[in-house]
Amino acid sequence: MNKEKILSVLLGPIVSEKSTLASANNQYIFKVRPDSNKREVKAAVEELFGVTVEGVTTSNVKGKRKIYKGKAGQRVNWKKAVVKVSEGQMIDATAS
């Protein structure tokens, strides 16, 4: 795979209460490009963080319908990936 594409797959970590609880089970949640697949996400996490990935689960999140100043609209659809790393390994996704 192209190294530039691999490095552009991950858009950022999702930091929430649910993702913090998942990190106790060696699972980390990332926002990824909508056209990426599980193999690309796995390669990107292994390349960037130097960990061994056991599994990747992806899901498409539909944007919410909202009304703003009387006009209907919709937020952007996006994709998230839940990455499970090997036991004893850790990702510090909140570090800048």
C-alpha atoms as a PDB file:
ATOM      1  CA  MET A   1       0.000   0.000   0.000  1.00  0.00           C
ATOM      2  CA  ASN A   2       1.021   3.586  -0.566  1.00  0.00           C
ATOM      3  CA  LYS A   3       2.677   5.062   2.543  1.00  0.00           C
ATOM      4  CA  GLU A   4       1.059   8.487   2.008  1.00  0.00           C
ATOM      5  CA  LYS A   5      -2.404   6.912   1.942  1.00  0.00           C
ATOM      6  CA  ILE A   6      -1.661   4.884   5.077  1.00  0.00           C
ATOM      7  CA  LEU A   7      -0.590   7.988   6.971  1.00  0.00           C
ATOM      8  CA  SER A   8      -3.701   9.910   5.917  1.00  0.00           C
ATOM      9  CA  VAL A   9      -6.214   7.218   6.953  1.00  0.00           C
ATOM     10  CA  LEU A  10      -6.474   8.242  10.616  1.00  0.00           C
ATOM     11  CA  LEU A  11      -8.122  11.633  11.085  1.00  0.00           C
ATOM     12  CA  GLY A  12      -7.918  11.687  14.879  1.00  0.00           C
ATOM     13  CA  PRO A  13      -8.854   9.931  18.099  1.00  0.00           C
ATOM     14  CA  ILE A  14     -12.344  10.101  19.533  1.00  0.00           C
ATOM     15  CA  VAL A  15     -12.038  11.145  23.162  1.00  0.00           C
ATOM     16  CA  SER A  16     -15.204  10.518  25.147  1.00  0.00           C
ATOM     17  CA  GLU A  17     -16.280   8.739  28.283  1.00  0.00           C
ATOM     18  CA  LYS A  18     -17.137   5.615  26.309  1.00  0.00           C
ATOM     19  CA  SER A  19     -13.779   5.551  24.494  1.00  0.00           C
ATOM     20  CA  THR A  20     -11.926   6.031  27.778  1.00  0.00           C
ATOM     21  CA  LEU A  21     -13.711   3.007  29.251  1.00  0.00           C
ATOM     22  CA  ALA A  22     -12.900   0.997  26.110  1.00  0.00           C
ATOM     23  CA  SER A  23      -9.190   1.760  26.507  1.00  0.00           C
ATOM     24  CA  ALA A  24      -9.213  -0.354  29.678  1.00  0.00           C
ATOM     25  CA  ASN A  25      -9.917  -3.340  27.373  1.00  0.00           C
ATOM     26  CA  ASN A  26      -7.109  -2.414  24.935  1.00  0.00           C
ATOM     27  CA  GLN A  27      -9.589  -0.880  22.469  1.00  0.00           C
ATOM     28  CA  TYR A  28      -9.067   2.558  20.953  1.00  0.00           C
ATOM     29  CA  ILE A  29     -11.515   4.534  18.816  1.00  0.00           C
ATOM     30  CA  PHE A  30     -10.454   6.688  15.869  1.00  0.00           C
ATOM     31  CA  LYS A  31     -12.183   8.837  13.290  1.00  0.00           C
ATOM     32  CA  VAL A  32     -11.025   7.576   9.891  1.00  0.00           C
ATOM     33  CA  ARG A  33     -11.472   8.503   6.234  1.00  0.00           C
ATOM     34  CA  PRO A  34     -14.809   7.297   4.819  1.00  0.00           C
ATOM     35  CA  ASP A  35     -13.093   5.500   1.919  1.00  0.00           C
ATOM     36  CA  SER A  36     -10.674   3.528   4.128  1.00  0.00           C
ATOM     37  CA  ASN A  37     -10.954  -0.175   4.886  1.00  0.00           C
ATOM     38  CA  LYS A  38      -9.906  -2.367   7.809  1.00  0.00           C
ATOM     39  CA  ARG A  39      -6.551  -3.340   6.312  1.00  0.00           C
ATOM     40  CA  GLU A  40      -5.569   0.293   5.815  1.00  0.00           C
ATOM     41  CA  VAL A  41      -6.636   1.216   9.362  1.00  0.00           C
ATOM     42  CA  LYS A  42      -4.626  -1.677  10.796  1.00  0.00           C
ATOM     43  CA  ALA A  43      -1.528  -0.705   8.783  1.00  0.00           C
ATOM     44  CA  ALA A  44      -1.857   2.950   9.811  1.00  0.00           C
ATOM     45  CA  VAL A  45      -2.146   2.197  13.539  1.00  0.00           C
ATOM     46  CA  GLU A  46       0.770  -0.241  13.455  1.00  0.00           C
ATOM     47  CA  GLU A  47       2.914   2.260  11.513  1.00  0.00           C
ATOM     48  CA  LEU A  48       2.118   5.345  13.597  1.00  0.00           C
ATOM     49  CA  PHE A  49       2.002   3.891  17.106  1.00  0.00           C
ATOM     50  CA  GLY A  50       4.274   0.833  16.833  1.00  0.00           C
ATOM     51  CA  VAL A  51       1.771  -1.629  18.307  1.00  0.00           C
ATOM     52  CA  THR A  52       0.398  -4.993  17.188  1.00  0.00           C
ATOM     53  CA  VAL A  53      -3.258  -4.792  16.144  1.00  0.00           C
ATOM     54  CA  GLU A  54      -5.429  -7.838  16.853  1.00  0.00           C
ATOM     55  CA  GLY A  55      -8.603  -6.605  15.183  1.00  0.00           C
ATOM     56  CA  VAL A  56     -10.396  -3.659  13.622  1.00  0.00           C
ATOM     57  CA  THR A  57     -14.115  -2.940  13.564  1.00  0.00           C
ATOM     58  CA  THR A  58     -15.422  -0.102  11.411  1.00  0.00           C
ATOM     59  CA  SER A  59     -18.814   1.558  11.251  1.00  0.00           C
ATOM     60  CA  ASN A  60     -20.348   4.343   9.213  1.00  0.00           C
ATOM     61  CA  VAL A  61     -21.994   7.024  11.344  1.00  0.00           C
ATOM     62  CA  LYS A  62     -24.829   8.903   9.705  1.00  0.00           C
ATOM     63  CA  GLY A  63     -24.960  12.645  10.254  1.00  0.00           C
ATOM     64  CA  LYS A  64     -27.807  13.984  12.353  1.00  0.00           C
ATOM     65  CA  ARG A  65     -30.618  15.965  10.775  1.00  0.00           C
ATOM     66  CA  LYS A  66     -30.739  19.446  12.281  1.00  0.00           C
ATOM     67  CA  ILE A  67     -32.804  22.587  11.872  1.00  0.00           C
ATOM     68  CA  TYR A  68     -30.875  25.846  12.043  1.00  0.00           C
ATOM     69  CA  LYS A  69     -32.727  29.156  11.795  1.00  0.00           C
ATOM     70  CA  GLY A  70     -35.730  27.398  10.329  1.00  0.00           C
ATOM     71  CA  LYS A  71     -33.768  25.629   7.593  1.00  0.00           C
ATOM     72  CA  ALA A  72     -33.339  21.879   7.557  1.00  0.00           C
ATOM     73  CA  GLY A  73     -29.885  20.463   7.079  1.00  0.00           C
ATOM     74  CA  GLN A  74     -27.765  17.452   7.810  1.00  0.00           C
ATOM     75  CA  ARG A  75     -24.371  17.030   9.421  1.00  0.00           C
ATOM     76  CA  VAL A  76     -21.631  15.207   7.555  1.00  0.00           C
ATOM     77  CA  ASN A  77     -21.540  11.397   7.541  1.00  0.00           C
ATOM     78  CA  TRP A  78     -18.305   9.948   8.939  1.00  0.00           C
ATOM     79  CA  LYS A  79     -16.608   6.660   9.709  1.00  0.00           C
ATOM     80  CA  LYS A  80     -15.149   5.383  12.957  1.00  0.00           C
ATOM     81  CA  ALA A  81     -12.857   2.466  13.693  1.00  0.00           C
ATOM     82  CA  VAL A  82     -12.462   0.522  16.933  1.00  0.00           C
ATOM     83  CA  VAL A  83      -8.941  -0.916  17.088  1.00  0.00           C
ATOM     84  CA  LYS A  84      -8.031  -3.715  19.500  1.00  0.00           C
ATOM     85  CA  VAL A  85      -4.328  -3.951  20.326  1.00  0.00           C
ATOM     86  CA  SER A  86      -2.430  -6.862  21.858  1.00  0.00           C
ATOM     87  CA  GLU A  87      -2.389  -7.392  25.606  1.00  0.00           C
ATOM     88  CA  GLY A  88       0.193  -5.249  27.381  1.00  0.00           C
ATOM     89  CA  GLN A  89       0.453  -2.655  24.620  1.00  0.00           C
ATOM     90  CA  MET A  90      -0.958   0.842  24.844  1.00  0.00           C
ATOM     91  CA  ILE A  91      -1.681   3.840  22.624  1.00  0.00           C
ATOM     92  CA  ASP A  92      -1.501   7.352  24.047  1.00  0.00           C
ATOM     93  CA  ALA A  93      -3.941   8.903  21.574  1.00  0.00           C
ATOM     94  CA  THR A  94      -4.533  12.047  23.637  1.00  0.00           C
ATOM     95  CA  ALA A  95      -0.890  13.202  23.584  1.00  0.00           C
ATOM     96  CA  SER A  96      -0.142  16.106  21.289  1.00  0.00           C
END
